[in-house]
C-alpha atoms as a PDB file:
ATOM      1  CA  MET A   1     -10.652 -21.991  14.796  1.00  0.00           C
ATOM      2  CA  ASN A   2      -7.893 -22.961  17.158  1.00  0.00           C
ATOM      3  CA  TYR A   3      -4.945 -21.351  15.753  1.00  0.00           C
ATOM      4  CA  THR A   4      -2.426 -23.128  17.828  1.00  0.00           C
ATOM      5  CA  ASP A   5      -3.555 -26.454  16.502  1.00  0.00           C
ATOM      6  CA  LEU A   6      -3.781 -25.359  12.938  1.00  0.00           C
ATOM      7  CA  ILE A   7       0.035 -24.034  13.003  1.00  0.00           C
ATOM      8  CA  LYS A   8       1.209 -27.189  14.805  1.00  0.00           C
ATOM      9  CA  GLU A   9      -0.687 -29.538  12.288  1.00  0.00           C
ATOM     10  CA  ASN A  10       0.899 -27.731   9.331  1.00  0.00           C
ATOM     11  CA  TYR A  11       4.186 -26.150  10.195  1.00  0.00           C
ATOM     12  CA  ASP A  12       7.295 -27.237  11.985  1.00  0.00           C
ATOM     13  CA  ILE A  13       6.559 -25.452  15.033  1.00  0.00           C
ATOM     14  CA  ASP A  14       5.235 -26.892  18.162  1.00  0.00           C
ATOM     15  CA  ASP A  15       6.270 -24.845  21.107  1.00  0.00           C
ATOM     16  CA  ILE A  16       3.875 -22.085  20.720  1.00  0.00           C
ATOM     17  CA  ILE A  17       3.352 -19.924  24.004  1.00  0.00           C
ATOM     18  CA  ASN A  18       1.426 -17.051  22.817  1.00  0.00           C
ATOM     19  CA  ILE A  19      -0.925 -15.819  19.953  1.00  0.00           C
ATOM     20  CA  GLU A  20      -1.472 -12.200  19.724  1.00  0.00           C
ATOM     21  CA  SER A  21      -3.919 -10.412  17.425  1.00  0.00           C
ATOM     22  CA  ILE A  22      -2.458  -7.429  15.734  1.00  0.00           C
ATOM     23  CA  SER A  23      -5.541  -5.266  14.789  1.00  0.00           C
ATOM     24  CA  ASN A  24      -4.027  -2.212  12.752  1.00  0.00           C
ATOM     25  CA  GLY A  25      -4.386  -3.978   9.302  1.00  0.00           C
ATOM     26  CA  LYS A  26      -7.491  -2.941   7.111  1.00  0.00           C
ATOM     27  CA  ILE A  27      -7.878  -6.187   5.106  1.00  0.00           C
ATOM     28  CA  ASN A  28      -6.199  -9.370   6.435  1.00  0.00           C
ATOM     29  CA  ASN A  29      -6.365 -10.656   9.953  1.00  0.00           C
ATOM     30  CA  THR A  30      -2.969 -10.761  11.422  1.00  0.00           C
ATOM     31  CA  TYR A  31      -1.541 -12.482  14.591  1.00  0.00           C
ATOM     32  CA  LYS A  32       1.922 -12.410  16.189  1.00  0.00           C
ATOM     33  CA  ILE A  33       3.021 -16.013  17.130  1.00  0.00           C
ATOM     34  CA  THR A  34       5.504 -16.358  19.894  1.00  0.00           C
ATOM     35  CA  THR A  35       7.391 -19.842  20.627  1.00  0.00           C
ATOM     36  CA  ASN A  36      10.056 -20.432  23.041  1.00  0.00           C
ATOM     37  CA  THR A  37      12.709 -19.385  20.578  1.00  0.00           C
ATOM     38  CA  LYS A  38      11.131 -17.353  17.731  1.00  0.00           C
ATOM     39  CA  LYS A  39       8.397 -15.163  16.690  1.00  0.00           C
ATOM     40  CA  TYR A  40       6.384 -15.125  13.569  1.00  0.00           C
ATOM     41  CA  ILE A  41       3.507 -13.437  11.774  1.00  0.00           C
ATOM     42  CA  PHE A  42       0.456 -15.413  10.956  1.00  0.00           C
ATOM     43  CA  GLN A  43      -2.240 -14.080   8.686  1.00  0.00           C
ATOM     44  CA  LYS A  44      -5.607 -15.166   7.477  1.00  0.00           C
ATOM     45  CA  ILE A  45      -5.867 -13.799   3.972  1.00  0.00           C
ATOM     46  CA  ASN A  46      -9.201 -11.863   3.141  1.00  0.00           C
ATOM     47  CA  ASN A  47     -10.341 -13.863   0.035  1.00  0.00           C
ATOM     48  CA  ASP A  48     -13.167 -11.364  -0.434  1.00  0.00           C
ATOM     49  CA  VAL A  49     -10.669  -8.869  -1.419  1.00  0.00           C
ATOM     50  CA  PHE A  50      -7.912 -11.177  -2.968  1.00  0.00           C
ATOM     51  CA  LYS A  51     -10.070 -13.542  -5.036  1.00  0.00           C
ATOM     52  CA  ASN A  52      -7.071 -15.929  -5.673  1.00  0.00           C
ATOM     53  CA  PRO A  53      -4.791 -16.117  -2.886  1.00  0.00           C
ATOM     54  CA  ASN A  54      -2.487 -18.562  -4.604  1.00  0.00           C
ATOM     55  CA  ASP A  55      -1.775 -15.753  -7.214  1.00  0.00           C
ATOM     56  CA  VAL A  56      -0.927 -13.489  -4.353  1.00  0.00           C
ATOM     57  CA  MET A  57       1.560 -16.002  -2.972  1.00  0.00           C
ATOM     58  CA  ASP A  58       3.134 -16.716  -6.350  1.00  0.00           C
ATOM     59  CA  ASN A  59       3.966 -13.062  -6.790  1.00  0.00           C
ATOM     60  CA  ILE A  60       5.373 -12.582  -3.185  1.00  0.00           C
ATOM     61  CA  LYS A  61       7.471 -15.751  -3.511  1.00  0.00           C
ATOM     62  CA  ASN A  62       9.118 -14.743  -6.820  1.00  0.00           C
ATOM     63  CA  VAL A  63       9.513 -11.075  -5.889  1.00  0.00           C
ATOM     64  CA  THR A  64      11.043 -11.721  -2.422  1.00  0.00           C
ATOM     65  CA  ASN A  65      13.438 -14.167  -4.068  1.00  0.00           C
ATOM     66  CA  HIS A  66      14.544 -11.379  -6.412  1.00  0.00           C
ATOM     67  CA  ILE A  67      14.953  -8.897  -3.657  1.00  0.00           C
ATOM     68  CA  ASN A  68      16.886 -11.325  -1.620  1.00  0.00           C
ATOM     69  CA  ASN A  69      19.263 -11.849  -4.393  1.00  0.00           C
ATOM     70  CA  ASN A  70      19.784  -8.044  -4.567  1.00  0.00           C
ATOM     71  CA  GLY A  71      20.661  -8.002  -1.026  1.00  0.00           C
ATOM     72  CA  ILE A  72      17.796  -5.989   0.191  1.00  0.00           C
ATOM     73  CA  ASN A  73      15.715  -6.810   3.310  1.00  0.00           C
ATOM     74  CA  THR A  74      12.392  -8.318   2.520  1.00  0.00           C
ATOM     75  CA  LEU A  75       9.733 -10.561   3.918  1.00  0.00           C
ATOM     76  CA  ASN A  76      10.539 -14.326   4.570  1.00  0.00           C
ATOM     77  CA  LEU A  77       8.009 -16.806   4.030  1.00  0.00           C
ATOM     78  CA  ILE A  78       7.638 -19.756   6.348  1.00  0.00           C
ATOM     79  CA  TYR A  79       6.589 -22.972   4.147  1.00  0.00           C
ATOM     80  CA  THR A  80       4.317 -25.680   5.518  1.00  0.00           C
ATOM     81  CA  LYS A  81       5.312 -29.143   6.300  1.00  0.00           C
ATOM     82  CA  ASP A  82       4.666 -30.160   2.609  1.00  0.00           C
ATOM     83  CA  LYS A  83       6.436 -26.966   1.125  1.00  0.00           C
ATOM     84  CA  GLN A  84       3.503 -24.835   0.569  1.00  0.00           C
ATOM     85  CA  PRO A  85       3.308 -20.805   0.928  1.00  0.00           C
ATOM     86  CA  LEU A  86      -0.518 -21.244   2.006  1.00  0.00           C
ATOM     87  CA  ILE A  87      -2.655 -23.324   4.066  1.00  0.00           C
ATOM     88  CA  LYS A  88      -6.267 -23.950   2.729  1.00  0.00           C
ATOM     89  CA  ILE A  89      -9.135 -24.902   5.098  1.00  0.00           C
ATOM     90  CA  GLU A  90     -12.514 -25.186   3.382  1.00  0.00           C
ATOM     91  CA  ASN A  91     -12.652 -21.547   1.956  1.00  0.00           C
ATOM     92  CA  SER A  92     -10.030 -19.907   4.345  1.00  0.00           C
ATOM     93  CA  TYR A  93      -6.372 -19.223   3.532  1.00  0.00           C
ATOM     94  CA  TYR A  94      -3.460 -18.695   5.888  1.00  0.00           C
ATOM     95  CA  ARG A  95       0.176 -17.803   5.519  1.00  0.00           C
ATOM     96  CA  MET A  96       3.084 -17.427   7.811  1.00  0.00           C
ATOM     97  CA  TYR A  97       6.260 -15.071   7.788  1.00  0.00           C
ATOM     98  CA  LYS A  98       9.426 -14.598   9.897  1.00  0.00           C
ATOM     99  CA  ASN A  99       8.871 -11.891  12.314  1.00  0.00           C
ATOM    100  CA  ILE A 100      10.675  -8.701  11.599  1.00  0.00           C
ATOM    101  CA  GLU A 101      11.681  -6.817  14.767  1.00  0.00           C
ATOM    102  CA  GLY A 102      11.101  -3.023  14.666  1.00  0.00           C
ATOM    103  CA  ILE A 103       8.741  -0.248  14.744  1.00  0.00           C
ATOM    104  CA  THR A 104       6.175   0.791  12.095  1.00  0.00           C
ATOM    105  CA  TYR A 105       4.255   4.351  12.193  1.00  0.00           C
ATOM    106  CA  ASN A 106       0.922   5.124  11.200  1.00  0.00           C
ATOM    107  CA  LYS A 107       1.798   8.862  11.562  1.00  0.00           C
ATOM    108  CA  THR A 108       4.832  10.545  12.695  1.00  0.00           C
ATOM    109  CA  ASP A 109       6.168  14.004  12.836  1.00  0.00           C
ATOM    110  CA  ASN A 110       9.800  12.715  12.947  1.00  0.00           C
ATOM    111  CA  ILE A 111      11.573  14.230   9.890  1.00  0.00           C
ATOM    112  CA  ASP A 112      14.510  11.815  10.148  1.00  0.00           C
ATOM    113  CA  ILE A 113      12.089   8.881  10.120  1.00  0.00           C
ATOM    114  CA  LEU A 114      10.039  10.267   7.382  1.00  0.00           C
ATOM    115  CA  TYR A 115      13.213  10.696   5.161  1.00  0.00           C
ATOM    116  CA  LEU A 116      14.128   7.021   5.956  1.00  0.00           C
ATOM    117  CA  ILE A 117      10.909   5.668   4.982  1.00  0.00           C
ATOM    118  CA  GLY A 118      10.903   7.428   1.596  1.00  0.00           C
ATOM    119  CA  LYS A 119      14.491   6.267   0.894  1.00  0.00           C
ATOM    120  CA  SER A 120      13.279   2.725   1.769  1.00  0.00           C
ATOM    121  CA  PHE A 121      10.400   2.691  -0.701  1.00  0.00           C
ATOM    122  CA  ALA A 122      12.762   3.963  -3.449  1.00  0.00           C
ATOM    123  CA  ILE A 123      15.373   1.200  -2.800  1.00  0.00           C
ATOM    124  CA  PHE A 124      12.556  -1.320  -2.891  1.00  0.00           C
ATOM    125  CA  GLU A 125      11.443   0.098  -6.307  1.00  0.00           C
ATOM    126  CA  LYS A 126      15.120   0.173  -7.600  1.00  0.00           C
ATOM    127  CA  SER A 127      15.603  -3.470  -6.556  1.00  0.00           C
ATOM    128  CA  LEU A 128      12.874  -4.262  -8.835  1.00  0.00           C
ATOM    129  CA  ILE A 129      13.877  -2.436 -12.018  1.00  0.00           C
ATOM    130  CA  ASP A 130      15.503  -5.284 -13.426  1.00  0.00           C
ATOM    131  CA  TYR A 131      12.648  -7.671 -12.620  1.00  0.00           C
ATOM    132  CA  THR A 132      10.821  -8.879 -15.862  1.00  0.00           C
ATOM    133  CA  ASP A 133       9.010 -11.971 -14.921  1.00  0.00           C
ATOM    134  CA  GLU A 134       5.089 -12.052 -15.239  1.00  0.00           C
ATOM    135  CA  LEU A 135       2.985 -11.038 -12.273  1.00  0.00           C
ATOM    136  CA  LYS A 136      -0.491 -12.224 -11.470  1.00  0.00           C
ATOM    137  CA  ILE A 137      -3.176  -9.630 -11.091  1.00  0.00           C
ATOM    138  CA  THR A 138      -4.254  -9.722  -7.449  1.00  0.00           C
ATOM    139  CA  ILE A 139      -7.060  -7.048  -7.315  1.00  0.00           C
ATOM    140  CA  LYS A 140      -8.563  -6.205 -10.706  1.00  0.00           C
ATOM    141  CA  ASP A 141      -8.532  -2.569 -11.454  1.00  0.00           C
ATOM    142  CA  PHE A 142      -6.850  -1.591  -8.132  1.00  0.00           C
ATOM    143  CA  HIS A 143      -5.501   1.585  -9.315  1.00  0.00           C
ATOM    144  CA  ASN A 144      -7.818   2.223 -12.153  1.00  0.00           C
ATOM    145  CA  THR A 145      -9.109   5.708 -11.151  1.00  0.00           C
ATOM    146  CA  PRO A 146     -11.683   5.884 -13.965  1.00  0.00           C
ATOM    147  CA  LYS A 147     -13.216   2.584 -13.119  1.00  0.00           C
ATOM    148  CA  ILE A 148     -13.346   3.522  -9.423  1.00  0.00           C
ATOM    149  CA  TYR A 149     -14.953   6.848 -10.544  1.00  0.00           C
ATOM    150  CA  ASN A 150     -17.468   4.931 -12.729  1.00  0.00           C
ATOM    151  CA  ASP A 151     -18.422   2.498  -9.781  1.00  0.00           C
ATOM    152  CA  PHE A 152     -19.254   5.718  -7.899  1.00  0.00           C
ATOM    153  CA  ILE A 153     -21.427   6.963 -10.720  1.00  0.00           C
ATOM    154  CA  HIS A 154     -23.218   3.631 -10.598  1.00  0.00           C
ATOM    155  CA  ASN A 155     -23.600   3.684  -6.707  1.00  0.00           C
ATOM    156  CA  LYS A 156     -24.950   7.053  -6.709  1.00  0.00           C
ATOM    157  CA  ARG A 157     -27.948   5.962  -8.518  1.00  0.00           C
ATOM    158  CA  LYS A 158     -28.868   3.827  -5.531  1.00  0.00           C
ATOM    159  CA  MET A 159     -27.699   6.340  -2.909  1.00  0.00           C
ATOM    160  CA  LYS A 160     -27.638  10.134  -3.054  1.00  0.00           C
ATOM    161  CA  MET A 161     -24.469  11.902  -1.330  1.00  0.00           C
ATOM    162  CA  LYS A 162     -23.739  15.335  -0.964  1.00  0.00           C
ATOM    163  CA  GLU A 163     -20.294  14.501  -2.219  1.00  0.00           C
ATOM    164  CA  GLU A 164     -21.418  14.054  -5.702  1.00  0.00           C
ATOM    165  CA  LYS A 165     -20.723  17.640  -6.675  1.00  0.00           C
ATOM    166  CA  PHE A 166     -17.273  17.741  -5.568  1.00  0.00           C
ATOM    167  CA  ILE A 167     -16.442  14.336  -7.130  1.00  0.00           C
ATOM    168  CA  GLU A 168     -17.828  15.157 -10.436  1.00  0.00           C
ATOM    169  CA  SER A 169     -16.006  18.594 -10.255  1.00  0.00           C
ATOM    170  CA  LYS A 170     -12.822  16.709 -10.229  1.00  0.00           C
ATOM    171  CA  LYS A 171     -13.650  14.431 -13.236  1.00  0.00           C
ATOM    172  CA  ASP A 172     -10.563  15.830 -15.143  1.00  0.00           C
ATOM    173  CA  MET A 173      -8.220  14.696 -12.225  1.00  0.00           C
ATOM    174  CA  VAL A 174      -9.650  11.196 -12.530  1.00  0.00           C
ATOM    175  CA  TYR A 175      -7.966  10.668 -15.961  1.00  0.00           C
ATOM    176  CA  LYS A 176      -4.905  12.627 -15.487  1.00  0.00           C
ATOM    177  CA  ILE A 177      -2.450   9.747 -14.563  1.00  0.00           C
ATOM    178  CA  TYR A 178      -4.698   7.033 -16.661  1.00  0.00           C
ATOM    179  CA  ASN A 179      -4.207   9.034 -19.724  1.00  0.00           C
ATOM    180  CA  LEU A 180      -0.540   9.060 -19.498  1.00  0.00           C
ATOM    181  CA  LEU A 181      -0.035   5.302 -19.051  1.00  0.00           C
ATOM    182  CA  ASP A 182       1.036   5.012 -22.632  1.00  0.00           C
ATOM    183  CA  VAL A 183       3.912   7.377 -22.264  1.00  0.00           C
ATOM    184  CA  LEU A 184       4.966   6.477 -18.644  1.00  0.00           C
ATOM    185  CA  PRO A 185       7.315   3.496 -18.094  1.00  0.00           C
ATOM    186  CA  LEU A 186       6.024   0.358 -16.966  1.00  0.00           C
ATOM    187  CA  ARG A 187       7.593  -0.533 -13.462  1.00  0.00           C
ATOM    188  CA  LEU A 188       6.947  -3.073 -10.827  1.00  0.00           C
ATOM    189  CA  ILE A 189       5.443  -1.151  -8.034  1.00  0.00           C
ATOM    190  CA  HIS A 190       4.537  -1.934  -4.470  1.00  0.00           C
ATOM    191  CA  GLY A 191       0.940  -0.623  -4.847  1.00  0.00           C
ATOM    192  CA  ASP A 192       0.186   0.128  -1.312  1.00  0.00           C
ATOM    193  CA  THR A 193       3.008   2.575  -0.010  1.00  0.00           C
ATOM    194  CA  LYS A 194       1.448   3.766   3.143  1.00  0.00           C
ATOM    195  CA  ILE A 195       4.240   4.720   5.907  1.00  0.00           C
ATOM    196  CA  SER A 196       2.996   1.750   8.105  1.00  0.00           C
ATOM    197  CA  ASN A 197       4.200  -0.741   5.351  1.00  0.00           C
ATOM    198  CA  VAL A 198       7.865  -0.033   6.505  1.00  0.00           C
ATOM    199  CA  ILE A 199       9.434  -1.714   9.461  1.00  0.00           C
ATOM    200  CA  ILE A 200      12.328   0.332  10.776  1.00  0.00           C
ATOM    201  CA  ASN A 201      14.909  -1.265  13.340  1.00  0.00           C
ATOM    202  CA  ASN A 202      18.014   0.629  14.270  1.00  0.00           C
ATOM    203  CA  GLY A 203      17.921   2.185  10.752  1.00  0.00           C
ATOM    204  CA  GLU A 204      17.646  -1.017   8.947  1.00  0.00           C
ATOM    205  CA  CYS A 205      14.321  -0.906   7.039  1.00  0.00           C
ATOM    206  CA  THR A 206      11.891  -3.626   5.340  1.00  0.00           C
ATOM    207  CA  VAL A 207       9.154  -3.009   3.170  1.00  0.00           C
ATOM    208  CA  ILE A 208       6.157  -5.153   3.953  1.00  0.00           C
ATOM    209  CA  ASP A 209       2.764  -6.018   2.754  1.00  0.00           C
ATOM    210  CA  LEU A 210       3.360  -7.187  -0.695  1.00  0.00           C
ATOM    211  CA  ASP A 211      -0.164  -8.187  -1.709  1.00  0.00           C
ATOM    212  CA  THR A 212      -0.726  -5.576  -4.273  1.00  0.00           C
ATOM    213  CA  LEU A 213       2.302  -5.929  -6.492  1.00  0.00           C
ATOM    214  CA  MET A 214       1.740  -4.976  -9.968  1.00  0.00           C
ATOM    215  CA  TYR A 215       3.298  -3.549 -13.166  1.00  0.00           C
ATOM    216  CA  SER A 216       2.010  -0.026 -13.389  1.00  0.00           C
ATOM    217  CA  THR A 217       3.336   3.751 -13.002  1.00  0.00           C
ATOM    218  CA  ILE A 218       5.689   4.605 -10.154  1.00  0.00           C
ATOM    219  CA  LEU A 219       3.493   7.602  -9.685  1.00  0.00           C
ATOM    220  CA  TYR A 220       0.873   5.750  -7.800  1.00  0.00           C
ATOM    221  CA  ASP A 221       3.446   4.715  -5.282  1.00  0.00           C
ATOM    222  CA  TYR A 222       4.778   8.028  -4.889  1.00  0.00           C
ATOM    223  CA  GLY A 223       1.507   9.714  -4.611  1.00  0.00           C
ATOM    224  CA  ASP A 224       0.050   7.214  -1.965  1.00  0.00           C
ATOM    225  CA  MET A 225       3.199   7.642   0.174  1.00  0.00           C
ATOM    226  CA  ILE A 226       2.787  11.304   0.244  1.00  0.00           C
ATOM    227  CA  ARG A 227      -1.002  11.022   0.970  1.00  0.00           C
ATOM    228  CA  SER A 228      -0.198   8.495   3.978  1.00  0.00           C
ATOM    229  CA  ILE A 229       1.715  11.043   5.751  1.00  0.00           C
ATOM    230  CA  ALA A 230      -0.742  13.657   5.704  1.00  0.00           C
ATOM    231  CA  ASP A 231      -3.082  14.534   8.819  1.00  0.00           C
ATOM    232  CA  ASP A 232      -6.824  13.790   8.217  1.00  0.00           C
ATOM    233  CA  THR A 233      -7.433  16.953   6.107  1.00  0.00           C
ATOM    234  CA  SER A 234      -4.050  18.826   5.587  1.00  0.00           C
ATOM    235  CA  LEU A 235      -0.513  18.047   4.309  1.00  0.00           C
ATOM    236  CA  ASN A 236       2.386  19.331   6.368  1.00  0.00           C
ATOM    237  CA  LEU A 237       4.892  20.699   4.000  1.00  0.00           C
ATOM    238  CA  ASP A 238       7.864  20.023   6.021  1.00  0.00           C
ATOM    239  CA  LYS A 239       6.948  16.330   6.392  1.00  0.00           C
ATOM    240  CA  PHE A 240       6.407  16.422   2.669  1.00  0.00           C
ATOM    241  CA  LYS A 241       9.752  17.667   1.919  1.00  0.00           C
ATOM    242  CA  ALA A 242      11.427  15.226   4.242  1.00  0.00           C
ATOM    243  CA  ILE A 243       9.855  12.003   2.814  1.00  0.00           C
ATOM    244  CA  SER A 244      10.178  13.348  -0.832  1.00  0.00           C
ATOM    245  CA  ARG A 245      13.696  14.073  -0.245  1.00  0.00           C
ATOM    246  CA  GLY A 246      14.524  10.527   0.968  1.00  0.00           C
ATOM    247  CA  TYR A 247      12.459   8.945  -1.972  1.00  0.00           C
ATOM    248  CA  LEU A 248      13.811  11.126  -4.897  1.00  0.00           C
ATOM    249  CA  ASN A 249      17.379  11.345  -3.929  1.00  0.00           C
ATOM    250  CA  GLU A 250      17.574   7.522  -3.911  1.00  0.00           C
ATOM    251  CA  ILE A 251      15.588   7.175  -7.294  1.00  0.00           C
ATOM    252  CA  LYS A 252      15.845  10.372  -9.264  1.00  0.00           C
ATOM    253  CA  ASP A 253      18.435   9.083 -11.673  1.00  0.00           C
ATOM    254  CA  TYR A 254      15.861   6.377 -12.939  1.00  0.00           C
ATOM    255  CA  LEU A 255      12.903   8.612 -13.425  1.00  0.00           C
ATOM    256  CA  THR A 256      11.847  10.184 -16.725  1.00  0.00           C
ATOM    257  CA  LYS A 257      10.748  13.667 -17.409  1.00  0.00           C
ATOM    258  CA  GLU A 258       7.132  12.574 -17.816  1.00  0.00           C
ATOM    259  CA  GLU A 259       7.213  10.948 -14.272  1.00  0.00           C
ATOM    260  CA  ILE A 260       9.035  13.950 -12.559  1.00  0.00           C
ATOM    261  CA  ASP A 261       6.462  16.452 -14.285  1.00  0.00           C
ATOM    262  CA  ASN A 262       3.545  14.529 -12.953  1.00  0.00           C
ATOM    263  CA  MET A 263       4.452  13.530  -9.321  1.00  0.00           C
ATOM    264  CA  GLY A 264       2.633  16.333  -7.928  1.00  0.00           C
ATOM    265  CA  ILE A 265      -0.339  15.510  -9.814  1.00  0.00           C
ATOM    266  CA  SER A 266      -0.011  11.860  -8.693  1.00  0.00           C
ATOM    267  CA  ILE A 267      -0.670  12.965  -4.971  1.00  0.00           C
ATOM    268  CA  LEU A 268      -4.034  14.588  -5.931  1.00  0.00           C
ATOM    269  CA  THR A 269      -4.987  11.486  -8.244  1.00  0.00           C
ATOM    270  CA  ILE A 270      -4.309   9.081  -5.439  1.00  0.00           C
ATOM    271  CA  THR A 271      -6.068  11.113  -2.706  1.00  0.00           C
ATOM    272  CA  LEU A 272      -9.169  11.397  -4.877  1.00  0.00           C
ATOM    273  CA  GLU A 273      -9.018   7.925  -5.751  1.00  0.00           C
ATOM    274  CA  LEU A 274      -8.803   6.742  -2.275  1.00  0.00           C
ATOM    275  CA  GLY A 275     -11.552   9.015  -1.155  1.00  0.00           C
ATOM    276  CA  ILE A 276     -13.928   7.667  -3.708  1.00  0.00           C
ATOM    277  CA  ARG A 277     -12.921   4.076  -2.827  1.00  0.00           C
ATOM    278  CA  TYR A 278     -13.808   4.781   0.695  1.00  0.00           C
ATOM    279  CA  LEU A 279     -17.211   6.267  -0.331  1.00  0.00           C
ATOM    280  CA  ASN A 280     -17.906   3.458  -2.765  1.00  0.00           C
ATOM    281  CA  ASP A 281     -17.352   0.967   0.252  1.00  0.00           C
ATOM    282  CA  TYR A 282     -19.755   2.933   2.422  1.00  0.00           C
ATOM    283  CA  MET A 283     -22.328   2.939  -0.393  1.00  0.00           C
ATOM    284  CA  SER A 284     -21.849  -0.710  -1.115  1.00  0.00           C
ATOM    285  CA  GLY A 285     -22.280  -1.780   2.761  1.00  0.00           C
ATOM    286  CA  ASN A 286     -18.796  -1.683   3.963  1.00  0.00           C
ATOM    287  CA  ASN A 287     -17.494  -4.875   2.480  1.00  0.00           C
ATOM    288  CA  TYR A 288     -13.829  -3.980   1.635  1.00  0.00           C
ATOM    289  CA  PHE A 289     -12.222  -2.059   4.415  1.00  0.00           C
ATOM    290  CA  LYS A 290     -12.685  -2.838   7.996  1.00  0.00           C
ATOM    291  CA  VAL A 291     -14.583  -0.517   9.930  1.00  0.00           C
ATOM    292  CA  SER A 292     -15.265   0.020  13.736  1.00  0.00           C
ATOM    293  CA  TYR A 293     -18.522   1.970  13.104  1.00  0.00           C
ATOM    294  CA  LYS A 294     -21.082   2.179  10.121  1.00  0.00           C
ATOM    295  CA  LYS A 295     -20.098   5.674   8.948  1.00  0.00           C
ATOM    296  CA  GLU A 296     -16.231   5.246   9.220  1.00  0.00           C
ATOM    297  CA  ASN A 297     -15.634   5.047   5.504  1.00  0.00           C
ATOM    298  CA  LEU A 298     -17.782   7.934   4.896  1.00  0.00           C
ATOM    299  CA  ASP A 299     -15.914   9.989   7.505  1.00  0.00           C
ATOM    300  CA  LYS A 300     -12.622   8.865   5.874  1.00  0.00           C
ATOM    301  CA  ALA A 301     -13.831  10.001   2.442  1.00  0.00           C
ATOM    302  CA  ARG A 302     -14.956  13.103   3.451  1.00  0.00           C
ATOM    303  CA  ASN A 303     -11.643  13.784   5.139  1.00  0.00           C
ATOM    304  CA  LEU A 304      -9.745  12.991   2.072  1.00  0.00           C
ATOM    305  CA  PHE A 305     -11.747  15.179  -0.006  1.00  0.00           C
ATOM    306  CA  LYS A 306     -10.948  18.028   2.404  1.00  0.00           C
ATOM    307  CA  LEU A 307      -7.275  16.862   2.038  1.00  0.00           C
ATOM    308  CA  TYR A 308      -7.534  16.897  -1.719  1.00  0.00           C
ATOM    309  CA  ASN A 309      -8.335  20.566  -1.398  1.00  0.00           C
ATOM    310  CA  ASP A 310      -5.488  21.232   0.919  1.00  0.00           C
ATOM    311  CA  ILE A 311      -3.005  19.467  -1.435  1.00  0.00           C
ATOM    312  CA  GLU A 312      -4.450  21.624  -4.489  1.00  0.00           C
ATOM    313  CA  ARG A 313      -3.862  24.719  -2.645  1.00  0.00           C
ATOM    314  CA  LYS A 314      -0.106  23.696  -2.058  1.00  0.00           C
ATOM    315  CA  ILE A 315       0.345  22.124  -5.407  1.00  0.00           C
ATOM    316  CA  ASP A 316       2.782  24.777  -6.764  1.00  0.00           C
ATOM    317  CA  PHE A 317       4.975  24.717  -4.028  1.00  0.00           C
ATOM    318  CA  ILE A 318       4.978  20.825  -4.239  1.00  0.00           C
ATOM    319  CA  ASN A 319       5.692  20.776  -7.801  1.00  0.00           C
ATOM    320  CA  THR A 320       8.697  23.276  -7.398  1.00  0.00           C
ATOM    321  CA  TYR A 321      10.123  21.465  -4.533  1.00  0.00           C
ATOM    322  CA  ILE A 322      10.164  17.912  -6.544  1.00  0.00           C
ATOM    323  CA  LYS A 323      12.076  19.616  -9.445  1.00  0.00           C
ATOM    324  CA  GLU A 324      14.520  21.372  -6.925  1.00  0.00           C
ATOM    325  CA  VAL A 325      15.559  17.893  -5.433  1.00  0.00           C
ATOM    326  CA  VAL A 326      15.544  16.002  -8.678  1.00  0.00           C
ATOM    327  CA  TYR A 327      17.333  18.715 -10.737  1.00  0.00           C
ATOM    328  CA  GLY A 328      19.443  20.236  -8.047  1.00  0.00           C
END
């Protein structure tokens, strides 16, 4: 595919001087487009993962308009010449955003940066507390931990894995958050709060990657945010404290007792869930996450299960610290 021609044909952009592949995404294919005067982000949407890209874009369009109206930095869509948020070529879908200058972090030991990222995710969620419009489901059962566990039970009939005993020993954790959904507030959440989804530019932050917006519990966002700052197999408690303090100081007045009491549990649940998802993908042929070698998803799953054990050993400290920040 000649992306230069594709962009010129569909957008009011004709002075492209460079197209650079950005390879850090696990799902979509992303490119930075440089023109004589501006920069853009161009993406090919993975419609094996996102079955209906039009639904994804409807959510993003409506939610970013709401966030903009609240004066919060957010993604800015570039529409096609015929005012559409997507290009469809045969069975492929493409979209474009204004480029946001700044830095993203896959990992960092900088306490100040972690505090800022935690605060940014909380500001993002606060800006959507009064959002009440319908959202389309972009990935069915995305944070349905029991469904992900049951997929593993199905997969293991076809492929025996030594991780079976560990996963089945944690079955109670699979249902911890799921069984609370009737008593937890239903909120609009980001759905994929890894720290690389915040762009930082001189203290100004923008939360990006809004493909998994959904109504669910805020615990999934908090748990995944903490999971994302961990090393492969251990959670540094100073880093945990920094990002949690930034997040909780910003949003604590909006949290219920049930949410506060289960924030530590959410870290364990999400870590277990993601580990099983990686394992499921490996057992199914590596169709969801991009991999650079055949056993990459298996290795990631095994590391997450080791991380789970490390977090479990530290859970009393984690729970105590959360309550200290929230209640003072």
